């Protein structure tokens, strides 16, 4: 007997994780800012997970220099790190750190 409620398909459960591009190092964050970023990321992590959903990633960005940018500007900035970013549904810490570090070192803070 089929259930009338929604059922999750295998495809809907697959994580499409954004990864750091192989372009090399984008620089470093100040130590205190790097620690704050890691603390913020870990705050959103659920037990046993190593990624956060994209909407929480965007919340983090607002706290780390993206608050002055509009949604389209943020999307364009993110596409520099991953051209397929809009198709990703979760991010790991190295990717989050990469995006924030790139933005910080560009001088838009």
Protein backbone atom coordinates (compact mmCIF):
# COMPACT_ATOMS: atom_id res chain seq x y z
CA UNK A 1 0.00 0.00 0.00
CA UNK A 2 1.42 3.37 -0.99
CA UNK A 3 1.61 6.22 1.49
CA UNK A 4 -0.24 9.43 0.67
CA UNK A 5 2.49 11.55 2.29
CA UNK A 6 5.67 12.69 0.61
CA UNK A 7 8.45 10.16 0.49
CA UNK A 8 12.08 11.07 0.06
CA UNK A 9 13.69 9.66 -3.03
CA UNK A 10 17.33 8.64 -3.14
CA UNK A 11 18.03 11.57 -5.48
CA UNK A 12 16.52 14.11 -3.09
CA UNK A 13 18.67 12.81 -0.24
CA UNK A 14 21.97 13.08 -2.10
CA UNK A 15 24.13 15.96 -0.98
CA UNK A 16 25.59 18.06 -3.75
CA UNK A 17 28.56 19.50 -1.86
CA UNK A 18 30.37 22.63 -2.98
CA UNK A 19 34.12 22.04 -3.06
CA UNK A 20 37.11 24.37 -2.94
CA UNK A 21 38.40 24.99 -6.47
CA UNK A 22 41.85 23.77 -7.36
CA UNK A 23 43.02 27.30 -8.21
CA UNK A 24 45.37 27.46 -5.25
CA UNK A 25 45.55 29.50 -2.10
CA UNK A 26 43.45 32.66 -1.82
CA UNK A 27 45.32 33.94 1.23
CA UNK A 28 44.55 33.87 4.92
CA UNK A 29 42.08 35.38 7.33
CA UNK A 30 43.15 37.15 10.50
CA UNK A 31 43.43 34.50 13.26
CA UNK A 32 40.53 35.83 15.32
CA UNK A 33 38.26 36.02 12.28
CA UNK A 34 39.21 32.47 11.23
CA UNK A 35 38.36 31.23 14.74
CA UNK A 36 35.02 33.09 14.66
CA UNK A 37 34.20 31.60 11.26
CA UNK A 38 34.94 28.07 12.46
CA UNK A 39 32.87 28.62 15.60
CA UNK A 40 29.97 29.93 13.53
CA UNK A 41 30.17 26.98 11.12
CA UNK A 42 30.32 24.47 13.98
CA UNK A 43 27.29 26.12 15.59
CA UNK A 44 25.19 25.11 12.57
CA UNK A 45 26.57 21.58 12.26
CA UNK A 46 24.31 18.76 13.28
CA UNK A 47 25.83 15.84 15.12
CA UNK A 48 27.63 13.46 12.78
CA UNK A 49 27.54 15.88 9.83
CA UNK A 50 30.41 17.68 8.12
CA UNK A 51 28.39 20.03 5.91
CA UNK A 52 25.75 22.71 6.39
CA UNK A 53 22.80 23.50 4.11
CA UNK A 54 23.14 26.33 1.62
CA UNK A 55 20.68 28.61 3.43
CA UNK A 56 22.81 28.45 6.61
CA UNK A 57 25.91 29.10 4.51
CA UNK A 58 24.29 32.31 3.28
CA UNK A 59 23.53 33.29 6.89
CA UNK A 60 27.22 32.91 7.70
CA UNK A 61 28.16 35.04 4.70
CA UNK A 62 26.00 37.89 5.99
CA UNK A 63 28.10 37.92 9.18
CA UNK A 64 31.41 37.85 7.33
CA UNK A 65 31.38 40.79 4.95
CA UNK A 66 28.61 40.03 2.46
CA UNK A 67 25.95 42.10 4.27
CA UNK A 68 26.44 45.09 1.95
CA UNK A 69 25.83 43.03 -1.18
CA UNK A 70 22.54 42.24 -2.86
CA UNK A 71 21.48 38.65 -3.66
CA UNK A 72 22.62 38.87 -7.30
CA UNK A 73 26.00 40.29 -6.31
CA UNK A 74 26.45 37.49 -3.79
CA UNK A 75 25.59 34.88 -6.43
CA UNK A 76 28.14 36.36 -8.83
CA UNK A 77 30.79 36.38 -6.11
CA UNK A 78 30.03 32.75 -5.23
CA UNK A 79 30.22 31.69 -8.87
CA UNK A 80 33.88 32.74 -8.82
CA UNK A 81 34.52 29.97 -6.29
CA UNK A 82 32.22 27.41 -7.88
CA UNK A 83 30.53 28.12 -11.25
CA UNK A 84 27.81 25.59 -10.37
CA UNK A 85 27.19 27.00 -6.88
CA UNK A 86 23.46 27.45 -7.47
CA UNK A 87 23.13 23.68 -7.96
CA UNK A 88 24.86 22.90 -4.65
CA UNK A 89 22.78 22.24 -1.56
CA UNK A 90 25.43 22.00 1.15
CA UNK A 91 28.87 23.31 1.98
CA UNK A 92 31.80 21.95 3.96
CA UNK A 93 34.05 24.12 6.12
CA UNK A 94 36.97 24.33 3.65
CA UNK A 95 34.59 25.79 1.04
CA UNK A 96 33.07 28.27 3.48
CA UNK A 97 36.55 29.36 4.59
CA UNK A 98 37.66 29.69 0.95
CA UNK A 99 34.74 31.95 0.01
CA UNK A 100 35.07 34.20 3.06
CA UNK A 101 38.87 34.39 2.70
CA UNK A 102 38.67 35.26 -1.00
CA UNK A 103 36.11 37.99 -0.29
CA UNK A 104 38.14 39.37 2.65
CA UNK A 105 41.39 39.49 0.73
CA UNK A 106 39.73 41.25 -2.21
CA UNK A 107 39.25 44.15 0.15
CA UNK A 108 35.46 44.26 0.14
CA UNK A 109 34.98 44.28 3.90
